[in-house]
Amino acid sequence: MPFAEPVTLTGNLVELSPLAATDHDALVEAARDGELWTLQYTSVPSPDDMRSAIERFLAMQQARMRISFTVRRRDTGQVIGLTSYLNIEPEHRRLEIGGT
């Protein structure tokens, strides 16, 4: 079994599903709450940059460097963010959780 693959992870309050290009509009809307792309202590793509960010994240997934997940509320299905497995090292069974 591969060490890290895109899967759906379901908790009590949220579900993490593999990032898809079709998540674009919902992710833009989630970032709009507080205009998160303007904050200096975080790195959130602006609405104009979201599509290229998603494309970059999906390319990194193809290269097995990153797996990104769209975060949804289970009660409403509303997209509320994005998180990722980063710096995947299968030979050491190691990865980082971040980019949330």
N, C-alpha and C. Protein backbone atom coordinates (compact mmCIF):
# COMPACT_ATOMS: atom_id res chain seq x y z
N MET A 1 0.84 -1.19 0.00
CA MET A 1 0.00 0.00 0.00
C MET A 1 0.89 1.25 0.00
N PRO A 2 0.61 2.20 -0.88
CA PRO A 2 1.42 3.43 -0.90
C PRO A 2 1.33 4.19 0.42
N PHE A 3 2.39 4.92 0.70
CA PHE A 3 2.46 5.65 1.98
C PHE A 3 1.47 6.80 2.05
N ALA A 4 1.37 7.60 1.02
CA ALA A 4 0.49 8.78 1.05
C ALA A 4 -0.26 8.87 -0.28
N GLU A 5 -1.56 8.77 -0.21
CA GLU A 5 -2.41 8.86 -1.39
C GLU A 5 -3.57 9.80 -1.09
N PRO A 6 -4.14 10.43 -2.10
CA PRO A 6 -5.33 11.26 -1.88
C PRO A 6 -6.50 10.38 -1.42
N VAL A 7 -7.04 10.69 -0.28
CA VAL A 7 -8.18 9.96 0.28
C VAL A 7 -9.13 10.99 0.88
N THR A 8 -10.34 10.56 1.17
CA THR A 8 -11.28 11.41 1.90
C THR A 8 -11.18 11.03 3.37
N LEU A 9 -11.01 12.04 4.22
CA LEU A 9 -10.90 11.84 5.66
C LEU A 9 -12.10 12.52 6.32
N THR A 10 -12.85 11.76 7.10
CA THR A 10 -14.08 12.27 7.69
C THR A 10 -13.99 12.28 9.21
N GLY A 11 -14.22 13.45 9.80
CA GLY A 11 -14.27 13.59 11.25
C GLY A 11 -15.68 13.93 11.68
N ASN A 12 -15.84 14.28 12.94
CA ASN A 12 -17.16 14.64 13.45
C ASN A 12 -17.68 15.93 12.85
N LEU A 13 -16.80 16.91 12.64
CA LEU A 13 -17.23 18.24 12.20
C LEU A 13 -16.86 18.58 10.77
N VAL A 14 -15.75 18.05 10.29
CA VAL A 14 -15.31 18.40 8.94
C VAL A 14 -14.95 17.14 8.15
N GLU A 15 -14.93 17.34 6.82
CA GLU A 15 -14.47 16.30 5.92
C GLU A 15 -13.37 16.90 5.06
N LEU A 16 -12.29 16.16 4.89
CA LEU A 16 -11.20 16.55 4.01
C LEU A 16 -11.30 15.68 2.77
N SER A 17 -11.49 16.32 1.64
CA SER A 17 -11.56 15.57 0.38
C SER A 17 -10.43 16.04 -0.52
N PRO A 18 -9.94 15.17 -1.39
CA PRO A 18 -8.84 15.57 -2.27
C PRO A 18 -9.21 16.84 -3.06
N LEU A 19 -8.28 17.77 -3.11
CA LEU A 19 -8.47 19.01 -3.86
C LEU A 19 -8.79 18.70 -5.31
N ALA A 20 -9.75 19.45 -5.86
CA ALA A 20 -10.10 19.33 -7.27
C ALA A 20 -10.20 20.73 -7.86
N ALA A 21 -9.96 20.84 -9.15
CA ALA A 21 -10.06 22.13 -9.83
C ALA A 21 -11.45 22.73 -9.67
N THR A 22 -12.45 21.90 -9.53
CA THR A 22 -13.84 22.37 -9.37
C THR A 22 -14.09 23.03 -8.02
N ASP A 23 -13.13 22.94 -7.10
CA ASP A 23 -13.27 23.59 -5.78
C ASP A 23 -12.93 25.07 -5.84
N HIS A 24 -12.50 25.57 -6.99
CA HIS A 24 -12.03 26.95 -7.12
C HIS A 24 -12.98 27.98 -6.53
N ASP A 25 -14.20 28.03 -7.00
CA ASP A 25 -15.12 29.09 -6.58
C ASP A 25 -15.39 29.04 -5.08
N ALA A 26 -15.55 27.85 -4.54
CA ALA A 26 -15.82 27.71 -3.10
C ALA A 26 -14.61 28.12 -2.27
N LEU A 27 -13.40 27.85 -2.76
CA LEU A 27 -12.20 28.27 -2.03
C LEU A 27 -12.02 29.77 -2.09
N VAL A 28 -12.33 30.38 -3.22
CA VAL A 28 -12.28 31.85 -3.30
C VAL A 28 -13.25 32.44 -2.28
N GLU A 29 -14.44 31.89 -2.20
CA GLU A 29 -15.44 32.39 -1.25
C GLU A 29 -14.97 32.21 0.19
N ALA A 30 -14.36 31.08 0.50
CA ALA A 30 -13.85 30.84 1.85
C ALA A 30 -12.77 31.84 2.22
N ALA A 31 -11.89 32.18 1.29
CA ALA A 31 -10.80 33.13 1.56
C ALA A 31 -11.32 34.56 1.67
N ARG A 32 -12.46 34.84 1.05
CA ARG A 32 -13.03 36.19 1.11
C ARG A 32 -13.40 36.60 2.53
N ASP A 33 -13.74 35.64 3.35
CA ASP A 33 -14.11 35.92 4.73
C ASP A 33 -12.88 36.46 5.45
N GLY A 34 -12.76 37.77 5.53
CA GLY A 34 -11.60 38.39 6.16
C GLY A 34 -10.50 38.76 5.19
N GLU A 35 -10.76 38.60 3.88
CA GLU A 35 -9.75 38.88 2.88
C GLU A 35 -8.38 38.32 3.30
N LEU A 36 -8.35 37.02 3.51
CA LEU A 36 -7.17 36.36 4.08
C LEU A 36 -5.89 36.56 3.29
N TRP A 37 -5.99 36.80 1.99
CA TRP A 37 -4.79 37.00 1.16
C TRP A 37 -4.07 38.29 1.50
N THR A 38 -4.69 39.20 2.27
CA THR A 38 -4.05 40.47 2.63
C THR A 38 -3.24 40.37 3.93
N LEU A 39 -3.40 39.28 4.66
CA LEU A 39 -2.71 39.14 5.94
C LEU A 39 -1.25 38.78 5.73
N GLN A 40 -0.38 39.39 6.51
CA GLN A 40 1.06 39.16 6.35
C GLN A 40 1.55 37.90 7.04
N TYR A 41 0.80 37.35 7.97
CA TYR A 41 1.26 36.19 8.72
C TYR A 41 0.73 34.87 8.16
N THR A 42 0.12 34.92 7.01
CA THR A 42 -0.35 33.71 6.36
C THR A 42 -0.15 33.83 4.86
N SER A 43 -0.31 32.74 4.16
CA SER A 43 -0.14 32.74 2.72
C SER A 43 -1.37 32.10 2.08
N VAL A 44 -2.33 32.95 1.74
CA VAL A 44 -3.57 32.51 1.11
C VAL A 44 -3.64 33.15 -0.27
N PRO A 45 -3.89 32.36 -1.30
CA PRO A 45 -3.97 32.96 -2.64
C PRO A 45 -5.12 33.96 -2.74
N SER A 46 -4.90 35.03 -3.45
CA SER A 46 -5.96 36.00 -3.71
C SER A 46 -6.96 35.36 -4.68
N PRO A 47 -8.16 35.93 -4.79
CA PRO A 47 -9.11 35.39 -5.77
C PRO A 47 -8.52 35.29 -7.18
N ASP A 48 -7.73 36.27 -7.58
CA ASP A 48 -7.13 36.25 -8.91
C ASP A 48 -6.05 35.17 -9.06
N ASP A 49 -5.46 34.76 -7.95
CA ASP A 49 -4.38 33.77 -7.98
C ASP A 49 -4.82 32.36 -7.60
N MET A 50 -6.08 32.19 -7.19
CA MET A 50 -6.53 30.89 -6.68
C MET A 50 -6.42 29.79 -7.73
N ARG A 51 -6.82 30.07 -8.96
CA ARG A 51 -6.79 29.03 -10.00
C ARG A 51 -5.37 28.53 -10.22
N SER A 52 -4.41 29.44 -10.31
CA SER A 52 -3.02 29.02 -10.54
C SER A 52 -2.48 28.29 -9.31
N ALA A 53 -2.91 28.68 -8.11
CA ALA A 53 -2.48 27.98 -6.90
C ALA A 53 -3.01 26.54 -6.92
N ILE A 54 -4.27 26.37 -7.27
CA ILE A 54 -4.85 25.02 -7.34
C ILE A 54 -4.09 24.19 -8.37
N GLU A 55 -3.82 24.76 -9.53
CA GLU A 55 -3.07 24.05 -10.57
C GLU A 55 -1.69 23.64 -10.07
N ARG A 56 -1.03 24.55 -9.34
CA ARG A 56 0.30 24.26 -8.79
C ARG A 56 0.22 23.13 -7.76
N PHE A 57 -0.78 23.19 -6.88
CA PHE A 57 -0.94 22.15 -5.85
C PHE A 57 -1.23 20.79 -6.50
N LEU A 58 -2.06 20.77 -7.54
CA LEU A 58 -2.37 19.51 -8.21
C LEU A 58 -1.16 18.97 -8.96
N ALA A 59 -0.33 19.84 -9.53
CA ALA A 59 0.91 19.40 -10.18
C ALA A 59 1.87 18.81 -9.15
N MET A 60 1.93 19.43 -7.98
CA MET A 60 2.79 18.90 -6.91
C MET A 60 2.27 17.54 -6.44
N GLN A 61 0.96 17.37 -6.47
CA GLN A 61 0.38 16.07 -6.10
C GLN A 61 0.79 15.01 -7.12
N GLN A 62 0.74 15.35 -8.40
CA GLN A 62 1.16 14.41 -9.45
C GLN A 62 2.62 14.01 -9.27
N ALA A 63 3.44 14.95 -8.77
CA ALA A 63 4.86 14.69 -8.53
C ALA A 63 5.10 14.02 -7.18
N ARG A 64 4.02 13.74 -6.44
CA ARG A 64 4.08 13.09 -5.12
C ARG A 64 4.84 13.93 -4.09
N MET A 65 4.73 15.26 -4.23
CA MET A 65 5.39 16.17 -3.30
C MET A 65 4.40 16.74 -2.28
N ARG A 66 3.12 16.70 -2.61
CA ARG A 66 2.11 17.34 -1.77
C ARG A 66 0.77 16.69 -2.08
N ILE A 67 -0.07 16.58 -1.06
CA ILE A 67 -1.46 16.19 -1.25
C ILE A 67 -2.30 17.24 -0.57
N SER A 68 -3.15 17.91 -1.32
CA SER A 68 -3.99 18.97 -0.77
C SER A 68 -5.42 18.48 -0.63
N PHE A 69 -6.06 18.97 0.43
CA PHE A 69 -7.43 18.59 0.75
C PHE A 69 -8.29 19.83 0.88
N THR A 70 -9.48 19.77 0.33
CA THR A 70 -10.49 20.80 0.54
C THR A 70 -11.21 20.46 1.83
N VAL A 71 -11.35 21.44 2.72
CA VAL A 71 -12.00 21.23 4.02
C VAL A 71 -13.44 21.71 3.93
N ARG A 72 -14.37 20.80 4.27
CA ARG A 72 -15.80 21.12 4.24
C ARG A 72 -16.44 20.83 5.59
N ARG A 73 -17.38 21.68 5.95
CA ARG A 73 -18.21 21.41 7.12
C ARG A 73 -19.10 20.22 6.80
N ARG A 74 -19.20 19.28 7.72
CA ARG A 74 -20.04 18.11 7.45
C ARG A 74 -21.53 18.46 7.52
N ASP A 75 -21.90 19.41 8.37
CA ASP A 75 -23.32 19.69 8.54
C ASP A 75 -23.92 20.45 7.36
N THR A 76 -23.14 21.27 6.68
CA THR A 76 -23.67 22.09 5.58
C THR A 76 -23.01 21.80 4.23
N GLY A 77 -21.85 21.17 4.23
CA GLY A 77 -21.10 20.95 3.00
C GLY A 77 -20.31 22.16 2.55
N GLN A 78 -20.39 23.25 3.32
CA GLN A 78 -19.69 24.49 2.96
C GLN A 78 -18.18 24.30 3.00
N VAL A 79 -17.51 24.77 1.95
CA VAL A 79 -16.05 24.75 1.93
C VAL A 79 -15.54 25.85 2.85
N ILE A 80 -14.65 25.48 3.75
CA ILE A 80 -14.13 26.45 4.71
C ILE A 80 -12.62 26.61 4.64
N GLY A 81 -11.97 25.85 3.76
CA GLY A 81 -10.53 26.03 3.66
C GLY A 81 -9.83 24.91 2.93
N LEU A 82 -8.53 24.88 3.12
CA LEU A 82 -7.64 23.95 2.43
C LEU A 82 -6.55 23.56 3.41
N THR A 83 -6.11 22.32 3.36
CA THR A 83 -4.96 21.87 4.15
C THR A 83 -4.21 20.85 3.32
N SER A 84 -2.98 20.52 3.73
CA SER A 84 -2.15 19.66 2.89
C SER A 84 -1.22 18.77 3.69
N TYR A 85 -0.83 17.68 3.05
CA TYR A 85 0.34 16.91 3.45
C TYR A 85 1.47 17.49 2.61
N LEU A 86 2.57 17.86 3.24
CA LEU A 86 3.71 18.49 2.56
C LEU A 86 4.98 17.69 2.80
N ASN A 87 5.98 17.94 1.99
CA ASN A 87 7.31 17.33 2.17
C ASN A 87 7.20 15.83 2.43
N ILE A 88 6.50 15.17 1.53
CA ILE A 88 6.25 13.73 1.66
C ILE A 88 7.53 12.97 1.37
N GLU A 89 7.93 12.12 2.31
CA GLU A 89 9.12 11.28 2.16
C GLU A 89 8.73 9.83 2.40
N PRO A 90 8.25 9.13 1.37
CA PRO A 90 7.77 7.75 1.56
C PRO A 90 8.83 6.80 2.10
N GLU A 91 10.08 7.02 1.69
CA GLU A 91 11.14 6.10 2.15
C GLU A 91 11.35 6.17 3.66
N HIS A 92 10.97 7.27 4.28
CA HIS A 92 11.08 7.42 5.73
C HIS A 92 9.72 7.42 6.42
N ARG A 93 8.65 7.22 5.60
CA ARG A 93 7.27 7.25 6.11
C ARG A 93 7.05 8.52 6.93
N ARG A 94 7.40 9.67 6.31
CA ARG A 94 7.35 10.97 6.96
C ARG A 94 6.65 11.96 6.06
N LEU A 95 5.87 12.83 6.68
CA LEU A 95 5.28 13.96 5.98
C LEU A 95 4.96 15.04 6.99
N GLU A 96 4.71 16.23 6.49
CA GLU A 96 4.30 17.35 7.32
C GLU A 96 2.84 17.67 7.02
N ILE A 97 2.13 18.12 8.03
CA ILE A 97 0.78 18.58 7.83
C ILE A 97 0.82 20.09 7.92
N GLY A 98 0.31 20.79 6.91
CA GLY A 98 0.38 22.23 6.95
C GLY A 98 -0.25 22.87 5.74
N GLY A 99 0.10 24.12 5.53
CA GLY A 99 -0.51 24.85 4.45
C GLY A 99 -1.99 25.01 4.67
N THR A 100 -2.39 25.08 5.92
CA THR A 100 -3.82 25.12 6.27
C THR A 100 -4.33 26.54 6.22
